[in-house]
């Protein structure tokens, strides 16, 4: 089963999670992290792409392949405009063996997980407390891997990944 994620949905989710998290009591200055400013979308987009690749690797052996839109080695470092949207895709063969309704759970879980990992990375870069988000992401990844475990076939092969 192939799951497609929209960069726009992930970036919106990062902003929403940051807004929700800002309501927590925090001894730090409450100013928004620099990467969340609208004029920093190209930098945030690069972070999302990098975290997506790391997420795909952390889901091995459940992920057989992943794609970042039509990106290849010649276009990977080109800046992203604030209006650009791209698709990120994960091929998860283990999901084919699960009940039909599991697909929606898996896609939404991957979106939430990527959003959490990105915000934890942003907070880490800014020197802000981020362990509460990183722990939530780790728990989400463990839950997702457990949900996919029944679909793994013994001796399943994994194709080389492409970016």
N, C-alpha and C. Protein backbone atom coordinates (compact mmCIF):
# COMPACT_ATOMS: atom_id res chain seq x y z
N UNK A 1 0.86 -1.17 0.00
CA UNK A 1 0.00 0.00 0.00
C UNK A 1 0.90 1.23 0.00
N UNK A 2 0.56 2.19 -0.82
CA UNK A 2 1.33 3.43 -0.90
C UNK A 2 0.55 4.54 -0.21
N UNK A 3 1.25 5.26 0.66
CA UNK A 3 0.64 6.37 1.40
C UNK A 3 1.26 7.67 0.91
N UNK A 4 0.41 8.62 0.54
CA UNK A 4 0.86 9.93 0.07
C UNK A 4 0.59 10.97 1.14
N UNK A 5 1.60 11.77 1.40
CA UNK A 5 1.49 12.85 2.38
C UNK A 5 1.74 14.17 1.66
N UNK A 6 0.97 15.17 1.99
CA UNK A 6 1.13 16.49 1.40
C UNK A 6 2.04 17.35 2.27
N UNK A 7 2.98 18.01 1.63
CA UNK A 7 3.86 18.91 2.38
C UNK A 7 3.07 20.02 3.06
N UNK A 8 2.04 20.49 2.39
CA UNK A 8 1.22 21.57 2.96
C UNK A 8 0.52 21.11 4.23
N UNK A 9 0.01 19.88 4.24
CA UNK A 9 -0.66 19.34 5.43
C UNK A 9 0.36 19.21 6.57
N UNK A 10 1.56 18.74 6.27
CA UNK A 10 2.58 18.58 7.30
C UNK A 10 3.00 19.93 7.87
N UNK A 11 3.24 20.90 7.01
CA UNK A 11 3.67 22.23 7.48
C UNK A 11 2.55 22.89 8.29
N UNK A 12 1.31 22.76 7.86
CA UNK A 12 0.18 23.27 8.63
C UNK A 12 0.11 22.57 9.98
N UNK A 13 0.33 21.26 9.98
CA UNK A 13 0.33 20.49 11.23
C UNK A 13 1.43 20.93 12.18
N UNK A 14 2.59 21.26 11.65
CA UNK A 14 3.70 21.75 12.49
C UNK A 14 3.29 23.05 13.17
N UNK A 15 2.71 23.97 12.38
CA UNK A 15 2.27 25.24 12.96
C UNK A 15 1.19 25.02 14.01
N UNK A 16 0.26 24.12 13.74
CA UNK A 16 -0.83 23.85 14.70
C UNK A 16 -0.28 23.21 15.98
N UNK A 17 0.61 22.25 15.84
CA UNK A 17 1.19 21.60 17.02
C UNK A 17 2.00 22.60 17.85
N UNK A 18 2.73 23.48 17.18
CA UNK A 18 3.49 24.51 17.89
C UNK A 18 2.56 25.45 18.65
N UNK A 19 1.44 25.81 18.04
CA UNK A 19 0.46 26.68 18.71
C UNK A 19 -0.13 25.98 19.92
N UNK A 20 -0.49 24.71 19.78
CA UNK A 20 -1.01 23.96 20.93
C UNK A 20 0.04 23.84 22.02
N UNK A 21 1.27 23.57 21.62
CA UNK A 21 2.34 23.39 22.59
C UNK A 21 2.68 24.70 23.30
N UNK A 22 2.44 25.84 22.65
CA UNK A 22 2.77 27.12 23.28
C UNK A 22 1.86 27.43 24.45
N UNK A 23 0.76 26.69 24.58
CA UNK A 23 -0.13 26.91 25.71
C UNK A 23 0.39 26.24 26.98
N UNK A 24 1.42 25.40 26.85
CA UNK A 24 2.04 24.76 28.01
C UNK A 24 2.82 25.80 28.81
N UNK A 25 2.86 25.65 30.11
CA UNK A 25 3.71 26.55 30.90
C UNK A 25 5.17 26.34 30.51
N UNK A 26 5.84 27.40 30.23
CA UNK A 26 7.23 27.29 29.79
C UNK A 26 8.03 28.47 30.33
N UNK A 27 9.16 28.22 30.95
CA UNK A 27 9.95 29.33 31.48
C UNK A 27 10.66 30.13 30.40
N UNK A 28 10.68 29.60 29.17
CA UNK A 28 11.36 30.28 28.07
C UNK A 28 10.52 31.45 27.56
N UNK A 29 11.14 32.27 26.74
CA UNK A 29 10.41 33.33 26.05
C UNK A 29 9.37 32.67 25.14
N UNK A 30 8.18 33.21 25.08
CA UNK A 30 7.08 32.58 24.32
C UNK A 30 7.11 32.92 22.83
N UNK A 31 8.12 33.64 22.35
CA UNK A 31 8.20 33.97 20.93
C UNK A 31 8.27 32.70 20.09
N UNK A 32 7.66 32.76 18.92
CA UNK A 32 7.65 31.60 18.02
C UNK A 32 9.06 31.31 17.52
N UNK A 33 9.38 30.04 17.36
CA UNK A 33 10.69 29.69 16.78
C UNK A 33 10.84 30.30 15.39
N UNK A 34 12.06 30.68 15.07
CA UNK A 34 12.35 31.35 13.81
C UNK A 34 11.89 30.53 12.60
N UNK A 35 12.06 29.23 12.62
CA UNK A 35 11.68 28.39 11.48
C UNK A 35 10.18 28.38 11.23
N UNK A 36 9.39 28.84 12.17
CA UNK A 36 7.94 28.85 11.98
C UNK A 36 7.43 30.15 11.36
N UNK A 37 8.32 31.09 11.13
CA UNK A 37 7.93 32.36 10.49
C UNK A 37 7.63 32.11 9.02
N UNK A 38 6.62 32.80 8.47
CA UNK A 38 6.22 32.57 7.07
C UNK A 38 7.35 32.72 6.05
N UNK A 39 8.28 33.63 6.28
CA UNK A 39 9.35 33.82 5.31
C UNK A 39 10.43 32.73 5.39
N UNK A 40 10.29 31.80 6.31
CA UNK A 40 11.27 30.72 6.45
C UNK A 40 10.75 29.39 5.90
N UNK A 41 9.69 29.43 5.09
CA UNK A 41 9.11 28.21 4.54
C UNK A 41 10.13 27.37 3.77
N UNK A 42 11.02 27.95 2.97
CA UNK A 42 12.00 27.10 2.28
C UNK A 42 12.88 26.30 3.26
N UNK A 43 13.29 26.91 4.34
CA UNK A 43 14.10 26.18 5.34
C UNK A 43 13.26 25.12 6.03
N UNK A 44 12.02 25.46 6.36
CA UNK A 44 11.13 24.49 6.99
C UNK A 44 10.85 23.33 6.03
N UNK A 45 10.69 23.62 4.75
CA UNK A 45 10.46 22.57 3.76
C UNK A 45 11.64 21.61 3.70
N UNK A 46 12.85 22.13 3.77
CA UNK A 46 14.03 21.26 3.75
C UNK A 46 14.06 20.38 5.00
N UNK A 47 13.69 20.95 6.14
CA UNK A 47 13.62 20.16 7.37
C UNK A 47 12.58 19.04 7.23
N UNK A 48 11.42 19.35 6.67
CA UNK A 48 10.37 18.34 6.48
C UNK A 48 10.89 17.21 5.59
N UNK A 49 11.56 17.56 4.50
CA UNK A 49 12.09 16.53 3.60
C UNK A 49 13.11 15.66 4.32
N UNK A 50 14.00 16.27 5.08
CA UNK A 50 15.02 15.50 5.79
C UNK A 50 14.39 14.60 6.84
N UNK A 51 13.44 15.12 7.59
CA UNK A 51 12.78 14.32 8.62
C UNK A 51 11.95 13.19 8.00
N UNK A 52 11.37 13.44 6.83
CA UNK A 52 10.63 12.39 6.14
C UNK A 52 11.56 11.24 5.76
N UNK A 53 12.73 11.56 5.23
CA UNK A 53 13.70 10.52 4.87
C UNK A 53 14.14 9.74 6.11
N UNK A 54 14.38 10.44 7.22
CA UNK A 54 14.77 9.76 8.46
C UNK A 54 13.62 8.90 9.00
N UNK A 55 12.40 9.39 8.86
CA UNK A 55 11.24 8.62 9.30
C UNK A 55 11.11 7.33 8.49
N UNK A 56 11.29 7.44 7.18
CA UNK A 56 11.22 6.25 6.33
C UNK A 56 12.26 5.23 6.76
N UNK A 57 13.47 5.68 7.07
CA UNK A 57 14.52 4.78 7.52
C UNK A 57 14.18 4.16 8.87
N UNK A 58 13.55 4.93 9.74
CA UNK A 58 13.22 4.41 11.07
C UNK A 58 12.07 3.41 11.03
N UNK A 59 11.34 3.37 9.92
CA UNK A 59 10.23 2.43 9.79
C UNK A 59 10.65 1.13 9.10
N UNK A 60 11.93 0.99 8.76
CA UNK A 60 12.41 -0.26 8.19
C UNK A 60 12.15 -1.38 9.17
N UNK A 61 11.70 -2.53 8.79
CA UNK A 61 11.53 -3.09 7.44
C UNK A 61 10.11 -2.94 6.89
N UNK A 62 9.31 -2.10 7.49
CA UNK A 62 7.93 -1.95 7.05
C UNK A 62 7.80 -1.10 5.79
N UNK A 63 8.76 -0.22 5.56
CA UNK A 63 8.75 0.63 4.38
C UNK A 63 9.67 0.02 3.33
N UNK A 64 9.10 -0.27 2.17
CA UNK A 64 9.90 -0.86 1.09
C UNK A 64 10.54 0.21 0.22
N UNK A 65 9.90 1.38 0.14
CA UNK A 65 10.41 2.44 -0.72
C UNK A 65 9.78 3.76 -0.29
N UNK A 66 10.42 4.86 -0.64
CA UNK A 66 9.82 6.16 -0.41
C UNK A 66 10.19 7.10 -1.54
N UNK A 67 9.37 8.12 -1.73
CA UNK A 67 9.58 9.08 -2.80
C UNK A 67 9.27 10.48 -2.28
N UNK A 68 10.11 11.42 -2.66
CA UNK A 68 9.87 12.83 -2.39
C UNK A 68 9.50 13.49 -3.70
N UNK A 69 8.25 13.40 -4.08
CA UNK A 69 7.72 13.96 -5.32
C UNK A 69 8.58 13.50 -6.48
N UNK A 70 9.01 14.39 -7.34
CA UNK A 70 9.83 14.02 -8.49
C UNK A 70 11.29 14.38 -8.22
N UNK A 71 11.63 14.55 -6.98
CA UNK A 71 12.98 15.00 -6.63
C UNK A 71 14.01 13.93 -6.95
N UNK A 72 15.11 14.39 -7.50
CA UNK A 72 16.24 13.50 -7.72
C UNK A 72 17.51 14.23 -7.29
N UNK A 73 18.65 13.61 -7.50
CA UNK A 73 19.91 14.19 -7.02
C UNK A 73 20.18 15.57 -7.60
N UNK A 74 19.68 15.86 -8.79
CA UNK A 74 19.96 17.15 -9.42
C UNK A 74 19.07 18.27 -8.89
N UNK A 75 17.94 17.94 -8.28
CA UNK A 75 17.01 18.97 -7.81
C UNK A 75 16.89 19.02 -6.29
N UNK A 76 17.56 18.14 -5.57
CA UNK A 76 17.37 18.01 -4.13
C UNK A 76 17.72 19.26 -3.36
N UNK A 77 18.62 20.09 -3.84
CA UNK A 77 19.03 21.26 -3.05
C UNK A 77 18.42 22.56 -3.55
N UNK A 78 17.51 22.49 -4.51
CA UNK A 78 16.89 23.71 -5.00
C UNK A 78 15.95 24.27 -3.96
N UNK A 79 15.92 25.61 -3.81
CA UNK A 79 15.03 26.21 -2.81
C UNK A 79 13.56 25.94 -3.13
N UNK A 80 12.75 25.91 -2.10
CA UNK A 80 11.32 25.67 -2.24
C UNK A 80 10.60 27.00 -2.00
N UNK A 81 9.72 27.37 -2.91
CA UNK A 81 8.95 28.60 -2.75
C UNK A 81 7.86 28.37 -1.70
N UNK A 82 7.42 29.46 -1.09
CA UNK A 82 6.41 29.37 -0.03
C UNK A 82 5.11 28.76 -0.54
N UNK A 83 4.84 28.87 -1.83
CA UNK A 83 3.59 28.35 -2.39
C UNK A 83 3.73 26.93 -2.92
N UNK A 84 4.93 26.40 -2.97
CA UNK A 84 5.14 25.05 -3.50
C UNK A 84 4.52 24.00 -2.58
N UNK A 85 4.02 22.95 -3.20
CA UNK A 85 3.53 21.80 -2.46
C UNK A 85 4.07 20.57 -3.16
N UNK A 86 4.47 19.59 -2.41
CA UNK A 86 4.97 18.36 -2.99
C UNK A 86 4.40 17.20 -2.21
N UNK A 87 4.47 16.03 -2.83
CA UNK A 87 3.99 14.83 -2.18
C UNK A 87 5.16 13.99 -1.69
N UNK A 88 4.96 13.39 -0.54
CA UNK A 88 5.91 12.43 0.01
C UNK A 88 5.16 11.11 0.04
N UNK A 89 5.77 10.07 -0.47
CA UNK A 89 5.10 8.78 -0.51
C UNK A 89 5.92 7.70 0.17
N UNK A 90 5.21 6.85 0.90
CA UNK A 90 5.80 5.68 1.54
C UNK A 90 5.11 4.45 0.98
N UNK A 91 5.90 3.49 0.55
CA UNK A 91 5.34 2.22 0.14
C UNK A 91 5.49 1.26 1.31
N UNK A 92 4.34 0.81 1.83
CA UNK A 92 4.30 -0.03 3.02
C UNK A 92 3.58 -1.34 2.68
N UNK A 93 4.31 -2.34 2.17
CA UNK A 93 3.66 -3.59 1.79
C UNK A 93 2.95 -4.28 2.95
N UNK A 94 3.45 -4.13 4.16
CA UNK A 94 2.84 -4.77 5.33
C UNK A 94 1.41 -4.31 5.53
N UNK A 95 1.07 -3.12 5.07
CA UNK A 95 -0.29 -2.58 5.25
C UNK A 95 -1.30 -3.31 4.37
N UNK A 96 -0.84 -3.95 3.30
CA UNK A 96 -1.76 -4.67 2.42
C UNK A 96 -2.45 -5.83 3.13
N UNK A 97 -1.80 -6.39 4.13
CA UNK A 97 -2.36 -7.54 4.85
C UNK A 97 -3.30 -7.13 5.98
N UNK A 98 -3.43 -5.85 6.23
CA UNK A 98 -4.25 -5.37 7.34
C UNK A 98 -5.66 -5.05 6.85
N UNK A 99 -6.64 -4.96 7.76
CA UNK A 99 -8.00 -4.62 7.35
C UNK A 99 -8.03 -3.27 6.64
N UNK A 100 -9.01 -3.08 5.76
CA UNK A 100 -9.11 -1.88 4.94
C UNK A 100 -9.08 -0.58 5.72
N UNK A 101 -9.72 -0.55 6.89
CA UNK A 101 -9.76 0.69 7.67
C UNK A 101 -8.40 1.05 8.26
N UNK A 102 -7.47 0.11 8.28
CA UNK A 102 -6.15 0.38 8.87
C UNK A 102 -5.36 1.39 8.04
N UNK A 103 -5.65 1.48 6.75
CA UNK A 103 -4.92 2.41 5.89
C UNK A 103 -5.05 3.86 6.35
N UNK A 104 -6.26 4.25 6.72
CA UNK A 104 -6.48 5.62 7.20
C UNK A 104 -5.72 5.87 8.50
N UNK A 105 -5.72 4.88 9.39
CA UNK A 105 -4.97 5.01 10.65
C UNK A 105 -3.48 5.17 10.37
N UNK A 106 -2.97 4.36 9.48
CA UNK A 106 -1.52 4.40 9.19
C UNK A 106 -1.14 5.75 8.59
N UNK A 107 -1.89 6.22 7.59
CA UNK A 107 -1.56 7.50 6.96
C UNK A 107 -1.60 8.63 7.99
N UNK A 108 -2.65 8.68 8.78
CA UNK A 108 -2.77 9.75 9.78
C UNK A 108 -1.69 9.64 10.84
N UNK A 109 -1.33 8.43 11.22
CA UNK A 109 -0.26 8.24 12.20
C UNK A 109 1.09 8.71 11.65
N UNK A 110 1.33 8.43 10.37
CA UNK A 110 2.58 8.87 9.76
C UNK A 110 2.62 10.40 9.68
N UNK A 111 1.49 11.02 9.33
CA UNK A 111 1.42 12.49 9.32
C UNK A 111 1.72 13.06 10.70
N UNK A 112 1.07 12.52 11.73
CA UNK A 112 1.29 13.01 13.10
C UNK A 112 2.73 12.79 13.53
N UNK A 113 3.27 11.65 13.20
CA UNK A 113 4.64 11.33 13.57
C UNK A 113 5.63 12.28 12.89
N UNK A 114 5.45 12.52 11.61
CA UNK A 114 6.34 13.44 10.90
C UNK A 114 6.22 14.85 11.47
N UNK A 115 5.02 15.27 11.77
CA UNK A 115 4.80 16.59 12.36
C UNK A 115 5.52 16.71 13.71
N UNK A 116 5.39 15.70 14.55
CA UNK A 116 6.03 15.72 15.86
C UNK A 116 7.55 15.73 15.73
N UNK A 117 8.07 14.91 14.84
CA UNK A 117 9.53 14.85 14.66
C UNK A 117 10.07 16.19 14.16
N UNK A 118 9.33 16.83 13.25
CA UNK A 118 9.77 18.13 12.73
C UNK A 118 9.76 19.19 13.84
N UNK A 119 8.70 19.23 14.64
CA UNK A 119 8.65 20.23 15.70
C UNK A 119 9.73 19.97 16.75
N UNK A 120 9.98 18.70 17.07
CA UNK A 120 11.07 18.39 18.01
C UNK A 120 12.41 18.86 17.45
N UNK A 121 12.62 18.68 16.16
CA UNK A 121 13.86 19.14 15.53
C UNK A 121 13.97 20.67 15.57
N UNK A 122 12.87 21.35 15.31
CA UNK A 122 12.86 22.82 15.37
C UNK A 122 13.19 23.29 16.77
N UNK A 123 12.54 22.72 17.77
CA UNK A 123 12.81 23.11 19.15
C UNK A 123 14.26 22.81 19.52
N UNK A 124 14.76 21.69 19.09
CA UNK A 124 16.15 21.33 19.38
C UNK A 124 17.11 22.35 18.78
N UNK A 125 16.86 22.75 17.53
CA UNK A 125 17.72 23.75 16.87
C UNK A 125 17.68 25.09 17.59
N UNK A 126 16.53 25.39 18.20
CA UNK A 126 16.36 26.67 18.89
C UNK A 126 16.81 26.61 20.35
N UNK A 127 17.21 25.43 20.82
CA UNK A 127 17.62 25.27 22.20
C UNK A 127 16.45 25.27 23.17
N UNK A 128 15.28 24.92 22.70
CA UNK A 128 14.08 24.86 23.53
C UNK A 128 13.88 23.44 24.05
N UNK A 129 13.13 23.28 25.12
CA UNK A 129 12.80 21.93 25.58
C UNK A 129 11.98 21.20 24.52
N UNK A 130 12.39 20.00 24.18
CA UNK A 130 11.69 19.25 23.14
C UNK A 130 11.46 17.78 23.49
N UNK A 131 11.95 17.35 24.65
CA UNK A 131 11.84 15.92 24.97
C UNK A 131 10.39 15.45 25.06
N UNK A 132 9.48 16.32 25.51
CA UNK A 132 8.08 15.90 25.59
C UNK A 132 7.51 15.56 24.21
N UNK A 133 7.93 16.28 23.18
CA UNK A 133 7.47 15.99 21.82
C UNK A 133 8.22 14.79 21.25
N UNK A 134 9.51 14.70 21.50
CA UNK A 134 10.30 13.57 21.01
C UNK A 134 9.81 12.26 21.62
N UNK A 135 9.43 12.29 22.90
CA UNK A 135 8.90 11.09 23.55
C UNK A 135 7.56 10.69 22.94
N UNK A 136 6.73 11.67 22.65
CA UNK A 136 5.44 11.40 22.01
C UNK A 136 5.66 10.78 20.62
N UNK A 137 6.64 11.31 19.88
CA UNK A 137 6.95 10.77 18.56
C UNK A 137 7.47 9.34 18.66
N UNK A 138 8.31 9.07 19.65
CA UNK A 138 8.84 7.71 19.83
C UNK A 138 7.71 6.73 20.15
N UNK A 139 6.77 7.16 20.98
CA UNK A 139 5.63 6.31 21.31
C UNK A 139 4.75 6.09 20.08
N UNK A 140 4.56 7.13 19.28
CA UNK A 140 3.76 7.03 18.05
C UNK A 140 4.43 6.05 17.08
N UNK A 141 5.76 6.12 16.95
CA UNK A 141 6.48 5.21 16.06
C UNK A 141 6.34 3.76 16.55
N UNK A 142 6.47 3.55 17.85
CA UNK A 142 6.32 2.20 18.39
C UNK A 142 4.91 1.65 18.13
N UNK A 143 3.90 2.50 18.29
CA UNK A 143 2.52 2.09 18.03
C UNK A 143 2.33 1.75 16.56
N UNK A 144 2.88 2.55 15.69
CA UNK A 144 2.76 2.33 14.26
C UNK A 144 3.46 1.03 13.85
N UNK A 145 4.65 0.81 14.36
CA UNK A 145 5.38 -0.42 14.05
C UNK A 145 4.62 -1.65 14.56
N UNK A 146 4.02 -1.54 15.73
CA UNK A 146 3.24 -2.65 16.28
C UNK A 146 2.00 -2.93 15.41
N UNK A 147 1.38 -1.88 14.90
CA UNK A 147 0.21 -2.06 14.04
C UNK A 147 0.58 -2.74 12.73
N UNK A 148 1.78 -2.47 12.23
CA UNK A 148 2.21 -3.04 10.96
C UNK A 148 2.82 -4.43 11.09
N UNK A 149 3.24 -4.80 12.28
CA UNK A 149 3.95 -6.07 12.48
C UNK A 149 3.20 -7.29 11.94
N UNK A 150 1.89 -7.40 12.11
CA UNK A 150 1.21 -8.59 11.59
C UNK A 150 1.30 -8.74 10.07
N UNK A 151 1.54 -7.64 9.36
CA UNK A 151 1.58 -7.69 7.90
C UNK A 151 2.93 -8.02 7.32
N UNK A 152 3.96 -8.12 8.15
CA UNK A 152 5.30 -8.43 7.65
C UNK A 152 5.38 -9.91 7.29
N UNK A 153 5.84 -10.19 6.09
CA UNK A 153 6.01 -11.57 5.65
C UNK A 153 7.43 -12.02 5.95
N UNK A 154 7.63 -13.24 6.44
CA UNK A 154 8.98 -13.73 6.65
C UNK A 154 9.76 -13.69 5.34
N UNK A 155 10.98 -13.21 5.43
CA UNK A 155 11.84 -13.13 4.26
C UNK A 155 11.46 -12.03 3.29
N UNK A 156 10.66 -11.05 3.73
CA UNK A 156 10.25 -9.96 2.85
C UNK A 156 11.47 -9.21 2.35
N UNK A 157 11.46 -8.84 1.09
CA UNK A 157 12.59 -8.11 0.54
C UNK A 157 12.27 -6.62 0.52
N UNK A 158 13.32 -5.85 0.58
CA UNK A 158 13.19 -4.40 0.55
C UNK A 158 13.97 -3.91 -0.64
N UNK A 159 13.31 -3.13 -1.51
CA UNK A 159 14.01 -2.57 -2.68
C UNK A 159 14.90 -1.43 -2.23
N UNK A 160 15.96 -1.16 -2.98
CA UNK A 160 16.78 0.02 -2.65
C UNK A 160 15.93 1.27 -2.73
N UNK A 161 16.12 2.16 -1.82
CA UNK A 161 15.34 3.41 -1.79
C UNK A 161 15.87 4.39 -2.80
N UNK A 162 14.99 5.24 -3.25
CA UNK A 162 15.39 6.34 -4.12
C UNK A 162 14.89 7.62 -3.47
N UNK A 163 15.55 8.69 -3.76
CA UNK A 163 15.12 9.99 -3.25
C UNK A 163 14.62 10.81 -4.39
